[in-house]
C-alpha atoms as a PDB file:
ATOM      1  CA  UNK A   1      37.512  17.502  -0.418  1.00  0.00           C
ATOM      2  CA  UNK A   2      38.398  16.385   3.130  1.00  0.00           C
ATOM      3  CA  UNK A   3      34.790  16.537   4.341  1.00  0.00           C
ATOM      4  CA  UNK A   4      33.300  14.059   1.848  1.00  0.00           C
ATOM      5  CA  UNK A   5      33.494  11.094   4.278  1.00  0.00           C
ATOM      6  CA  UNK A   6      31.144  12.942   6.669  1.00  0.00           C
ATOM      7  CA  UNK A   7      28.093  10.938   7.711  1.00  0.00           C
ATOM      8  CA  UNK A   8      24.530  12.105   7.104  1.00  0.00           C
ATOM      9  CA  UNK A   9      22.384  11.001  10.050  1.00  0.00           C
ATOM     10  CA  UNK A  10      18.991  12.369   9.011  1.00  0.00           C
ATOM     11  CA  UNK A  11      16.682  12.015   6.017  1.00  0.00           C
ATOM     12  CA  UNK A  12      15.616  15.639   6.454  1.00  0.00           C
ATOM     13  CA  UNK A  13      17.088  18.762   4.851  1.00  0.00           C
ATOM     14  CA  UNK A  14      17.189  22.325   6.166  1.00  0.00           C
ATOM     15  CA  UNK A  15      17.098  25.700   4.478  1.00  0.00           C
ATOM     16  CA  UNK A  16      19.091  28.146   6.656  1.00  0.00           C
ATOM     17  CA  UNK A  17      17.357  31.339   5.580  1.00  0.00           C
ATOM     18  CA  UNK A  18      16.740  32.678   9.114  1.00  0.00           C
ATOM     19  CA  UNK A  19      20.062  31.365  10.375  1.00  0.00           C
ATOM     20  CA  UNK A  20      21.906  33.573   7.873  1.00  0.00           C
ATOM     21  CA  UNK A  21      20.314  36.619   9.534  1.00  0.00           C
ATOM     22  CA  UNK A  22      21.513  35.539  12.978  1.00  0.00           C
ATOM     23  CA  UNK A  23      18.520  33.623  14.389  1.00  0.00           C
ATOM     24  CA  UNK A  24      19.885  30.187  15.325  1.00  0.00           C
ATOM     25  CA  UNK A  25      17.679  29.232  18.292  1.00  0.00           C
ATOM     26  CA  UNK A  26      15.897  26.595  16.194  1.00  0.00           C
ATOM     27  CA  UNK A  27      18.680  25.962  13.700  1.00  0.00           C
ATOM     28  CA  UNK A  28      18.913  22.248  12.815  1.00  0.00           C
ATOM     29  CA  UNK A  29      22.535  22.222  11.739  1.00  0.00           C
ATOM     30  CA  UNK A  30      22.818  18.418  11.797  1.00  0.00           C
ATOM     31  CA  UNK A  31      20.916  18.155   8.495  1.00  0.00           C
ATOM     32  CA  UNK A  32      22.072  18.844   4.963  1.00  0.00           C
ATOM     33  CA  UNK A  33      21.846  22.592   4.292  1.00  0.00           C
ATOM     34  CA  UNK A  34      20.156  23.679   1.063  1.00  0.00           C
ATOM     35  CA  UNK A  35      20.856  27.131  -0.360  1.00  0.00           C
ATOM     36  CA  UNK A  36      18.093  27.983  -2.820  1.00  0.00           C
ATOM     37  CA  UNK A  37      16.718  31.160  -4.369  1.00  0.00           C
ATOM     38  CA  UNK A  38      15.845  32.798  -1.048  1.00  0.00           C
ATOM     39  CA  UNK A  39      19.244  32.246   0.588  1.00  0.00           C
ATOM     40  CA  UNK A  40      21.351  33.074  -2.464  1.00  0.00           C
ATOM     41  CA  UNK A  41      19.408  36.190  -3.423  1.00  0.00           C
ATOM     42  CA  UNK A  42      19.854  37.404   0.144  1.00  0.00           C
ATOM     43  CA  UNK A  43      23.593  36.646   0.130  1.00  0.00           C
ATOM     44  CA  UNK A  44      24.051  38.350  -3.239  1.00  0.00           C
ATOM     45  CA  UNK A  45      22.404  41.486  -1.828  1.00  0.00           C
ATOM     46  CA  UNK A  46      25.251  41.815   0.720  1.00  0.00           C
ATOM     47  CA  UNK A  47      28.768  43.050   0.191  1.00  0.00           C
ATOM     48  CA  UNK A  48      31.672  40.647   0.585  1.00  0.00           C
ATOM     49  CA  UNK A  49      32.321  41.431   4.254  1.00  0.00           C
ATOM     50  CA  UNK A  50      28.644  41.156   5.215  1.00  0.00           C
ATOM     51  CA  UNK A  51      28.291  37.964   3.190  1.00  0.00           C
ATOM     52  CA  UNK A  52      31.173  36.290   4.976  1.00  0.00           C
ATOM     53  CA  UNK A  53      29.791  37.338   8.363  1.00  0.00           C
ATOM     54  CA  UNK A  54      26.377  35.862   7.473  1.00  0.00           C
ATOM     55  CA  UNK A  55      27.923  32.604   6.292  1.00  0.00           C
ATOM     56  CA  UNK A  56      30.126  32.308   9.373  1.00  0.00           C
ATOM     57  CA  UNK A  57      26.949  32.167  11.464  1.00  0.00           C
ATOM     58  CA  UNK A  58      26.021  28.767   9.993  1.00  0.00           C
ATOM     59  CA  UNK A  59      29.589  27.549   9.459  1.00  0.00           C
ATOM     60  CA  UNK A  60      30.286  27.784  13.187  1.00  0.00           C
ATOM     61  CA  UNK A  61      28.304  24.535  13.437  1.00  0.00           C
ATOM     62  CA  UNK A  62      29.343  21.059  12.315  1.00  0.00           C
ATOM     63  CA  UNK A  63      27.396  20.881   9.043  1.00  0.00           C
ATOM     64  CA  UNK A  64      27.067  17.551   7.181  1.00  0.00           C
ATOM     65  CA  UNK A  65      27.076  19.280   3.776  1.00  0.00           C
ATOM     66  CA  UNK A  66      25.889  22.351   1.890  1.00  0.00           C
ATOM     67  CA  UNK A  67      24.019  22.079  -1.433  1.00  0.00           C
ATOM     68  CA  UNK A  68      23.511  24.937  -3.887  1.00  0.00           C
ATOM     69  CA  UNK A  69      20.495  24.475  -6.159  1.00  0.00           C
ATOM     70  CA  UNK A  70      19.286  26.087  -9.400  1.00  0.00           C
ATOM     71  CA  UNK A  71      22.792  26.061 -10.876  1.00  0.00           C
ATOM     72  CA  UNK A  72      23.871  29.227  -9.018  1.00  0.00           C
ATOM     73  CA  UNK A  73      27.498  30.256  -9.230  1.00  0.00           C
ATOM     74  CA  UNK A  74      29.464  29.376  -6.102  1.00  0.00           C
ATOM     75  CA  UNK A  75      30.241  32.468  -4.035  1.00  0.00           C
ATOM     76  CA  UNK A  76      33.950  32.888  -3.180  1.00  0.00           C
ATOM     77  CA  UNK A  77      33.204  33.301   0.531  1.00  0.00           C
ATOM     78  CA  UNK A  78      31.124  30.126   0.497  1.00  0.00           C
ATOM     79  CA  UNK A  79      33.876  28.119  -1.179  1.00  0.00           C
ATOM     80  CA  UNK A  80      36.544  29.479   1.177  1.00  0.00           C
ATOM     81  CA  UNK A  81      34.568  28.683   4.346  1.00  0.00           C
ATOM     82  CA  UNK A  82      33.707  25.192   3.087  1.00  0.00           C
ATOM     83  CA  UNK A  83      37.358  24.413   2.435  1.00  0.00           C
ATOM     84  CA  UNK A  84      38.477  25.872   5.769  1.00  0.00           C
ATOM     85  CA  UNK A  85      35.886  23.903   7.798  1.00  0.00           C
ATOM     86  CA  UNK A  86      36.021  20.711   5.715  1.00  0.00           C
ATOM     87  CA  UNK A  87      32.327  20.905   4.791  1.00  0.00           C
ATOM     88  CA  UNK A  88      31.358  19.289   1.460  1.00  0.00           C
ATOM     89  CA  UNK A  89      29.996  21.922  -0.934  1.00  0.00           C
ATOM     90  CA  UNK A  90      27.778  20.467  -3.672  1.00  0.00           C
ATOM     91  CA  UNK A  91      25.902  22.050  -6.551  1.00  0.00           C
ATOM     92  CA  UNK A  92      22.983  20.985  -8.742  1.00  0.00           C
ATOM     93  CA  UNK A  93      21.133  22.469 -11.672  1.00  0.00           C
ATOM     94  CA  UNK A  94      17.837  21.125 -10.311  1.00  0.00           C
ATOM     95  CA  UNK A  95      15.330  23.496  -8.776  1.00  0.00           C
ATOM     96  CA  UNK A  96      15.201  23.511  -4.980  1.00  0.00           C
ATOM     97  CA  UNK A  97      11.833  21.748  -4.763  1.00  0.00           C
ATOM     98  CA  UNK A  98      12.782  19.037  -7.259  1.00  0.00           C
ATOM     99  CA  UNK A  99      16.168  18.432  -5.655  1.00  0.00           C
ATOM    100  CA  UNK A 100      14.656  18.117  -2.165  1.00  0.00           C
ATOM    101  CA  UNK A 101      12.061  15.644  -3.473  1.00  0.00           C
ATOM    102  CA  UNK A 102      14.672  13.423  -5.140  1.00  0.00           C
ATOM    103  CA  UNK A 103      17.130  13.717  -2.260  1.00  0.00           C
ATOM    104  CA  UNK A 104      14.544  12.748   0.362  1.00  0.00           C
ATOM    105  CA  UNK A 105      13.330   9.860  -1.792  1.00  0.00           C
ATOM    106  CA  UNK A 106      16.891   8.547  -2.016  1.00  0.00           C
ATOM    107  CA  UNK A 107      17.551   8.892   1.710  1.00  0.00           C
ATOM    108  CA  UNK A 108      14.190   7.363   2.647  1.00  0.00           C
ATOM    109  CA  UNK A 109      15.310   4.204   0.877  1.00  0.00           C
ATOM    110  CA  UNK A 110      18.814   4.352   2.359  1.00  0.00           C
ATOM    111  CA  UNK A 111      17.614   4.840   5.953  1.00  0.00           C
ATOM    112  CA  UNK A 112      14.596   2.507   5.654  1.00  0.00           C
ATOM    113  CA  UNK A 113      14.373  -0.202   8.375  1.00  0.00           C
ATOM    114  CA  UNK A 114      15.388  -3.612   7.072  1.00  0.00           C
ATOM    115  CA  UNK A 115      15.200  -7.209   8.171  1.00  0.00           C
ATOM    116  CA  UNK A 116      15.819 -10.669   6.745  1.00  0.00           C
ATOM    117  CA  UNK A 117      13.338 -13.529   7.009  1.00  0.00           C
ATOM    118  CA  UNK A 118      13.593 -17.220   6.250  1.00  0.00           C
ATOM    119  CA  UNK A 119      10.900 -17.957   3.706  1.00  0.00           C
ATOM    120  CA  UNK A 120       9.867 -17.848   0.066  1.00  0.00           C
ATOM    121  CA  UNK A 121       8.075 -14.994  -1.654  1.00  0.00           C
ATOM    122  CA  UNK A 122       5.897 -15.266  -4.754  1.00  0.00           C
ATOM    123  CA  UNK A 123       3.807 -12.793  -6.738  1.00  0.00           C
ATOM    124  CA  UNK A 124       0.435 -14.532  -7.186  1.00  0.00           C
ATOM    125  CA  UNK A 125      -2.130 -12.593  -9.240  1.00  0.00           C
ATOM    126  CA  UNK A 126      -0.359  -9.387  -8.227  1.00  0.00           C
ATOM    127  CA  UNK A 127      -0.477 -10.218  -4.504  1.00  0.00           C
ATOM    128  CA  UNK A 128       2.818 -10.616  -2.665  1.00  0.00           C
ATOM    129  CA  UNK A 129       2.611 -13.906  -0.726  1.00  0.00           C
ATOM    130  CA  UNK A 130       5.341 -14.576   1.824  1.00  0.00           C
ATOM    131  CA  UNK A 131       5.495 -18.323   2.552  1.00  0.00           C
ATOM    132  CA  UNK A 132       6.924 -19.108   5.969  1.00  0.00           C
ATOM    133  CA  UNK A 133       7.270 -22.260   8.038  1.00  0.00           C
ATOM    134  CA  UNK A 134       9.875 -24.627   9.359  1.00  0.00           C
ATOM    135  CA  UNK A 135      12.713 -25.785   7.155  1.00  0.00           C
ATOM    136  CA  UNK A 136      11.855 -28.541   4.633  1.00  0.00           C
ATOM    137  CA  UNK A 137       8.086 -28.105   5.057  1.00  0.00           C
ATOM    138  CA  UNK A 138       7.745 -27.483   1.312  1.00  0.00           C
ATOM    139  CA  UNK A 139       7.895 -23.717   0.738  1.00  0.00           C
ATOM    140  CA  UNK A 140      10.197 -23.932  -2.278  1.00  0.00           C
ATOM    141  CA  UNK A 141       8.226 -26.768  -3.870  1.00  0.00           C
ATOM    142  CA  UNK A 142       4.970 -24.804  -3.545  1.00  0.00           C
ATOM    143  CA  UNK A 143       6.640 -21.733  -5.044  1.00  0.00           C
ATOM    144  CA  UNK A 144       8.012 -23.812  -7.927  1.00  0.00           C
ATOM    145  CA  UNK A 145       4.533 -25.160  -8.632  1.00  0.00           C
ATOM    146  CA  UNK A 146       3.149 -21.610  -8.598  1.00  0.00           C
ATOM    147  CA  UNK A 147       5.836 -20.484 -11.044  1.00  0.00           C
ATOM    148  CA  UNK A 148       4.981 -23.388 -13.330  1.00  0.00           C
ATOM    149  CA  UNK A 149       1.350 -22.156 -13.261  1.00  0.00           C
ATOM    150  CA  UNK A 150       2.420 -18.711 -14.473  1.00  0.00           C
ATOM    151  CA  UNK A 151       3.120 -16.824 -11.261  1.00  0.00           C
ATOM    152  CA  UNK A 152       6.390 -15.067 -10.420  1.00  0.00           C
ATOM    153  CA  UNK A 153       9.137 -15.868  -7.957  1.00  0.00           C
ATOM    154  CA  UNK A 154      10.512 -12.971  -5.917  1.00  0.00           C
ATOM    155  CA  UNK A 155      12.862 -14.734  -3.489  1.00  0.00           C
ATOM    156  CA  UNK A 156      13.573 -18.168  -2.112  1.00  0.00           C
ATOM    157  CA  UNK A 157      15.021 -19.194   1.243  1.00  0.00           C
ATOM    158  CA  UNK A 158      16.181 -15.666   2.202  1.00  0.00           C
ATOM    159  CA  UNK A 159      13.803 -12.710   1.822  1.00  0.00           C
ATOM    160  CA  UNK A 160      15.130  -9.201   2.416  1.00  0.00           C
ATOM    161  CA  UNK A 161      12.328  -6.927   3.663  1.00  0.00           C
ATOM    162  CA  UNK A 162      12.442  -3.134   3.674  1.00  0.00           C
ATOM    163  CA  UNK A 163       9.867  -0.822   5.244  1.00  0.00           C
ATOM    164  CA  UNK A 164       9.104   2.417   3.448  1.00  0.00           C
ATOM    165  CA  UNK A 165       6.462   4.340   5.352  1.00  0.00           C
ATOM    166  CA  UNK A 166       3.882   1.596   6.086  1.00  0.00           C
ATOM    167  CA  UNK A 167       4.699  -0.566   3.084  1.00  0.00           C
ATOM    168  CA  UNK A 168       6.882  -3.653   3.260  1.00  0.00           C
ATOM    169  CA  UNK A 169       8.917  -4.528   0.174  1.00  0.00           C
ATOM    170  CA  UNK A 170      10.380  -7.998  -0.243  1.00  0.00           C
ATOM    171  CA  UNK A 171      13.275  -8.870  -2.521  1.00  0.00           C
ATOM    172  CA  UNK A 172      15.839 -11.591  -3.013  1.00  0.00           C
ATOM    173  CA  UNK A 173      19.368 -11.711  -1.751  1.00  0.00           C
ATOM    174  CA  UNK A 174      21.808 -10.142  -4.262  1.00  0.00           C
ATOM    175  CA  UNK A 175      23.927 -13.266  -3.940  1.00  0.00           C
ATOM    176  CA  UNK A 176      21.131 -15.806  -4.535  1.00  0.00           C
ATOM    177  CA  UNK A 177      19.003 -13.827  -6.970  1.00  0.00           C
ATOM    178  CA  UNK A 178      15.996 -15.805  -8.247  1.00  0.00           C
ATOM    179  CA  UNK A 179      17.561 -19.204  -7.711  1.00  0.00           C
ATOM    180  CA  UNK A 180      15.861 -21.962  -5.733  1.00  0.00           C
ATOM    181  CA  UNK A 181      16.966 -24.961  -3.720  1.00  0.00           C
ATOM    182  CA  UNK A 182      14.829 -28.029  -4.404  1.00  0.00           C
ATOM    183  CA  UNK A 183      15.657 -30.917  -2.109  1.00  0.00           C
ATOM    184  CA  UNK A 184      16.721 -33.947  -4.122  1.00  0.00           C
ATOM    185  CA  UNK A 185      17.598 -31.804  -7.165  1.00  0.00           C
ATOM    186  CA  UNK A 186      19.740 -28.977  -5.833  1.00  0.00           C
ATOM    187  CA  UNK A 187      19.984 -25.370  -7.043  1.00  0.00           C
ATOM    188  CA  UNK A 188      17.928 -24.346 -10.067  1.00  0.00           C
ATOM    189  CA  UNK A 189      17.835 -21.067 -11.989  1.00  0.00           C
ATOM    190  CA  UNK A 190      14.173 -20.067 -12.307  1.00  0.00           C
ATOM    191  CA  UNK A 191      14.786 -17.385 -14.922  1.00  0.00           C
ATOM    192  CA  UNK A 192      16.717 -19.707 -17.240  1.00  0.00           C
ATOM    193  CA  UNK A 193      14.226 -22.537 -16.808  1.00  0.00           C
ATOM    194  CA  UNK A 194      10.961 -20.579 -17.084  1.00  0.00           C
ATOM    195  CA  UNK A 195      11.964 -17.280 -18.684  1.00  0.00           C
ATOM    196  CA  UNK A 196      12.100 -13.653 -17.593  1.00  0.00           C
ATOM    197  CA  UNK A 197       8.323 -13.568 -16.931  1.00  0.00           C
ATOM    198  CA  UNK A 198       8.737 -16.106 -14.126  1.00  0.00           C
ATOM    199  CA  UNK A 199      10.654 -13.759 -11.826  1.00  0.00           C
ATOM    200  CA  UNK A 200      10.206 -10.405 -10.175  1.00  0.00           C
ATOM    201  CA  UNK A 201      12.969  -8.360  -8.538  1.00  0.00           C
ATOM    202  CA  UNK A 202      10.839  -6.957  -5.714  1.00  0.00           C
ATOM    203  CA  UNK A 203       7.225  -7.023  -4.525  1.00  0.00           C
ATOM    204  CA  UNK A 204       5.138  -5.591  -1.740  1.00  0.00           C
ATOM    205  CA  UNK A 205       4.526  -8.066   1.110  1.00  0.00           C
ATOM    206  CA  UNK A 206       0.736  -8.287   1.444  1.00  0.00           C
ATOM    207  CA  UNK A 207      -0.088 -11.674   2.985  1.00  0.00           C
ATOM    208  CA  UNK A 208       1.982 -14.049   5.114  1.00  0.00           C
ATOM    209  CA  UNK A 209       1.102 -17.698   4.492  1.00  0.00           C
ATOM    210  CA  UNK A 210       2.496 -19.691   7.403  1.00  0.00           C
ATOM    211  CA  UNK A 211       2.700 -23.411   6.635  1.00  0.00           C
ATOM    212  CA  UNK A 212       2.286 -25.727   9.610  1.00  0.00           C
ATOM    213  CA  UNK A 213       2.140 -29.492   9.887  1.00  0.00           C
ATOM    214  CA  UNK A 214      -1.395 -30.837  10.316  1.00  0.00           C
ATOM    215  CA  UNK A 215      -2.254 -31.887  13.854  1.00  0.00           C
ATOM    216  CA  UNK A 216      -5.532 -33.439  15.014  1.00  0.00           C
ATOM    217  CA  UNK A 217      -5.058 -31.701  18.350  1.00  0.00           C
ATOM    218  CA  UNK A 218      -5.064 -28.211  16.852  1.00  0.00           C
ATOM    219  CA  UNK A 219      -8.090 -26.102  15.905  1.00  0.00           C
ATOM    220  CA  UNK A 220      -7.892 -24.306  12.576  1.00  0.00           C
ATOM    221  CA  UNK A 221      -9.949 -21.480  11.136  1.00  0.00           C
ATOM    222  CA  UNK A 222     -12.894 -22.837   9.120  1.00  0.00           C
ATOM    223  CA  UNK A 223     -15.155 -19.853   8.480  1.00  0.00           C
ATOM    224  CA  UNK A 224     -12.854 -16.885   8.024  1.00  0.00           C
ATOM    225  CA  UNK A 225     -14.525 -14.329  10.275  1.00  0.00           C
ATOM    226  CA  UNK A 226     -11.435 -13.945  12.427  1.00  0.00           C
ATOM    227  CA  UNK A 227      -8.315 -12.752  10.688  1.00  0.00           C
ATOM    228  CA  UNK A 228      -4.844 -13.386  12.030  1.00  0.00           C
ATOM    229  CA  UNK A 229      -1.954 -11.013  11.568  1.00  0.00           C
ATOM    230  CA  UNK A 230       1.743 -10.700  12.217  1.00  0.00           C
ATOM    231  CA  UNK A 231       3.992  -7.697  12.774  1.00  0.00           C
ATOM    232  CA  UNK A 232       7.043  -7.151  10.569  1.00  0.00           C
ATOM    233  CA  UNK A 233       9.140  -4.032  11.173  1.00  0.00           C
ATOM    234  CA  UNK A 234       6.197  -2.491  13.013  1.00  0.00           C
ATOM    235  CA  UNK A 235       3.709  -3.075  10.177  1.00  0.00           C
ATOM    236  CA  UNK A 236       0.682  -5.352  10.664  1.00  0.00           C
ATOM    237  CA  UNK A 237       0.343  -7.888   7.842  1.00  0.00           C
ATOM    238  CA  UNK A 238      -2.526 -10.408   7.413  1.00  0.00           C
ATOM    239  CA  UNK A 239      -1.330 -13.927   8.247  1.00  0.00           C
ATOM    240  CA  UNK A 240      -2.995 -17.226   7.458  1.00  0.00           C
ATOM    241  CA  UNK A 241      -2.057 -20.430   9.258  1.00  0.00           C
ATOM    242  CA  UNK A 242      -2.341 -23.169   6.649  1.00  0.00           C
ATOM    243  CA  UNK A 243      -2.118 -26.780   7.877  1.00  0.00           C
ATOM    244  CA  UNK A 244      -0.644 -29.136   5.289  1.00  0.00           C
ATOM    245  CA  UNK A 245      -0.517 -32.885   4.838  1.00  0.00           C
ATOM    246  CA  UNK A 246       0.395 -35.213   1.947  1.00  0.00           C
ATOM    247  CA  UNK A 247      -1.991 -34.911  -0.966  1.00  0.00           C
ATOM    248  CA  UNK A 248      -3.330 -31.471  -0.088  1.00  0.00           C
ATOM    249  CA  UNK A 249      -3.209 -29.082  -3.068  1.00  0.00           C
ATOM    250  CA  UNK A 250      -1.450 -26.106  -1.472  1.00  0.00           C
ATOM    251  CA  UNK A 251      -0.815 -24.420  -4.812  1.00  0.00           C
ATOM    252  CA  UNK A 252      -4.513 -23.973  -5.606  1.00  0.00           C
ATOM    253  CA  UNK A 253      -5.133 -22.860  -2.019  1.00  0.00           C
ATOM    254  CA  UNK A 254      -2.368 -20.240  -2.346  1.00  0.00           C
ATOM    255  CA  UNK A 255      -4.003 -18.927  -5.522  1.00  0.00           C
ATOM    256  CA  UNK A 256      -7.358 -18.810  -3.742  1.00  0.00           C
ATOM    257  CA  UNK A 257      -5.817 -16.887  -0.826  1.00  0.00           C
ATOM    258  CA  UNK A 258      -4.417 -14.315  -3.246  1.00  0.00           C
ATOM    259  CA  UNK A 259      -7.749 -13.882  -5.060  1.00  0.00           C
ATOM    260  CA  UNK A 260      -9.645 -13.745  -1.769  1.00  0.00           C
ATOM    261  CA  UNK A 261      -7.269 -11.001  -0.586  1.00  0.00           C
ATOM    262  CA  UNK A 262      -8.064  -8.995  -3.719  1.00  0.00           C
ATOM    263  CA  UNK A 263     -11.782  -9.372  -2.973  1.00  0.00           C
ATOM    264  CA  UNK A 264     -11.245  -8.172   0.599  1.00  0.00           C
ATOM    265  CA  UNK A 265      -9.420  -5.101  -0.703  1.00  0.00           C
ATOM    266  CA  UNK A 266     -12.465  -4.494  -2.905  1.00  0.00           C
ATOM    267  CA  UNK A 267     -14.683  -4.689   0.188  1.00  0.00           C
ATOM    268  CA  UNK A 268     -16.137  -8.187  -0.206  1.00  0.00           C
ATOM    269  CA  UNK A 269     -15.921 -11.063   2.278  1.00  0.00           C
ATOM    270  CA  UNK A 270     -17.758 -14.335   1.636  1.00  0.00           C
ATOM    271  CA  UNK A 271     -17.658 -15.254   5.326  1.00  0.00           C
ATOM    272  CA  UNK A 272     -19.131 -11.923   6.406  1.00  0.00           C
ATOM    273  CA  UNK A 273     -21.839 -12.112   3.729  1.00  0.00           C
ATOM    274  CA  UNK A 274     -22.831 -15.615   4.890  1.00  0.00           C
ATOM    275  CA  UNK A 275     -22.839 -14.438   8.505  1.00  0.00           C
ATOM    276  CA  UNK A 276     -25.210 -11.583   7.611  1.00  0.00           C
ATOM    277  CA  UNK A 277     -27.535 -13.977   5.773  1.00  0.00           C
ATOM    278  CA  UNK A 278     -27.648 -16.358   8.727  1.00  0.00           C
ATOM    279  CA  UNK A 279     -28.275 -13.488  11.154  1.00  0.00           C
ATOM    280  CA  UNK A 280     -31.117 -12.172   8.990  1.00  0.00           C
ATOM    281  CA  UNK A 281     -32.651 -15.647   8.696  1.00  0.00           C
ATOM    282  CA  UNK A 282     -32.543 -16.159  12.466  1.00  0.00           C
ATOM    283  CA  UNK A 283     -34.032 -12.730  13.047  1.00  0.00           C
ATOM    284  CA  UNK A 284     -36.927 -13.441  10.679  1.00  0.00           C
ATOM    285  CA  UNK A 285     -37.659 -16.730  12.439  1.00  0.00           C
ATOM    286  CA  UNK A 286     -37.602 -14.971  15.809  1.00  0.00           C
ATOM    287  CA  UNK A 287     -39.746 -11.998  14.784  1.00  0.00           C
ATOM    288  CA  UNK A 288     -42.236 -13.856  12.528  1.00  0.00           C
ATOM    289  CA  UNK A 289     -45.266 -15.977  13.646  1.00  0.00           C
ATOM    290  CA  UNK A 290     -44.456 -19.431  14.867  1.00  0.00           C
ATOM    291  CA  UNK A 291     -45.632 -22.502  12.972  1.00  0.00           C
ATOM    292  CA  UNK A 292     -47.409 -23.752  16.100  1.00  0.00           C
ATOM    293  CA  UNK A 293     -49.416 -20.568  16.391  1.00  0.00           C
ATOM    294  CA  UNK A 294     -50.517 -20.734  12.763  1.00  0.00           C
ATOM    295  CA  UNK A 295     -51.698 -24.335  13.199  1.00  0.00           C
ATOM    296  CA  UNK A 296     -53.840 -23.333  16.241  1.00  0.00           C
ATOM    297  CA  UNK A 297     -55.517 -20.537  14.243  1.00  0.00           C
ATOM    298  CA  UNK A 298     -56.474 -22.992  11.487  1.00  0.00           C
ATOM    299  CA  UNK A 299     -58.265 -25.196  14.030  1.00  0.00           C
END
């Protein structure tokens, strides 16, 4: 059919029930048009001349496509108008509700905002950690150490990120797959070296771990009451600035960050608990009798 190359610009669908009766003031013709039970039962109640007149109301617009659900037989007038106007006419045996659900799910993924980031992504205890930082700072080596400890590599060097609703999904480049570049060694295949359990095709991005070179002039978070964040495709993601230097065990720290994130999801924060304890202790010392006063009473 000549109209198959037409472009769909919207993830939404439209059911033209009212439009078939002549009301087109709010007719969203730029969406895929779904003819379900309501539309087809109405069209079948008309004679051939009336049916063509009703269909011409919607076919006067530039429709992306028309889909017939529930396995209904294609009406001759519908087929003729589709061929004349070059509008793709599709059919499915699925019910209208099920087809719309699957169609929208497919288009949500197709139209989802995407970006590419330089970094390495690892699934650590079920938490998607995105390691970022300047080139050669050690992202791949940390990820390799995590894989050796039983965690799973998602992507190295290039991370493709897709936003679906308010969830960010990270995955590897189709060209690179789950391969890694280790300076001094070259390219390694993580799946062949460590097995299928060492890789994961995609994972939700939950924490960004930004690796920075240690500097005595910088001030780093020591308590954990303030939480940094970064924005990726309009979604706020927790971000931790982790200073590194030779000899520092970043792998264990990355595991701790993942477990601490799980505790925060569960509603627990060690820093906040300690802060409450200190506040309560100070309040008791302020409200209670002073030691000096007690000594005076004894005398």
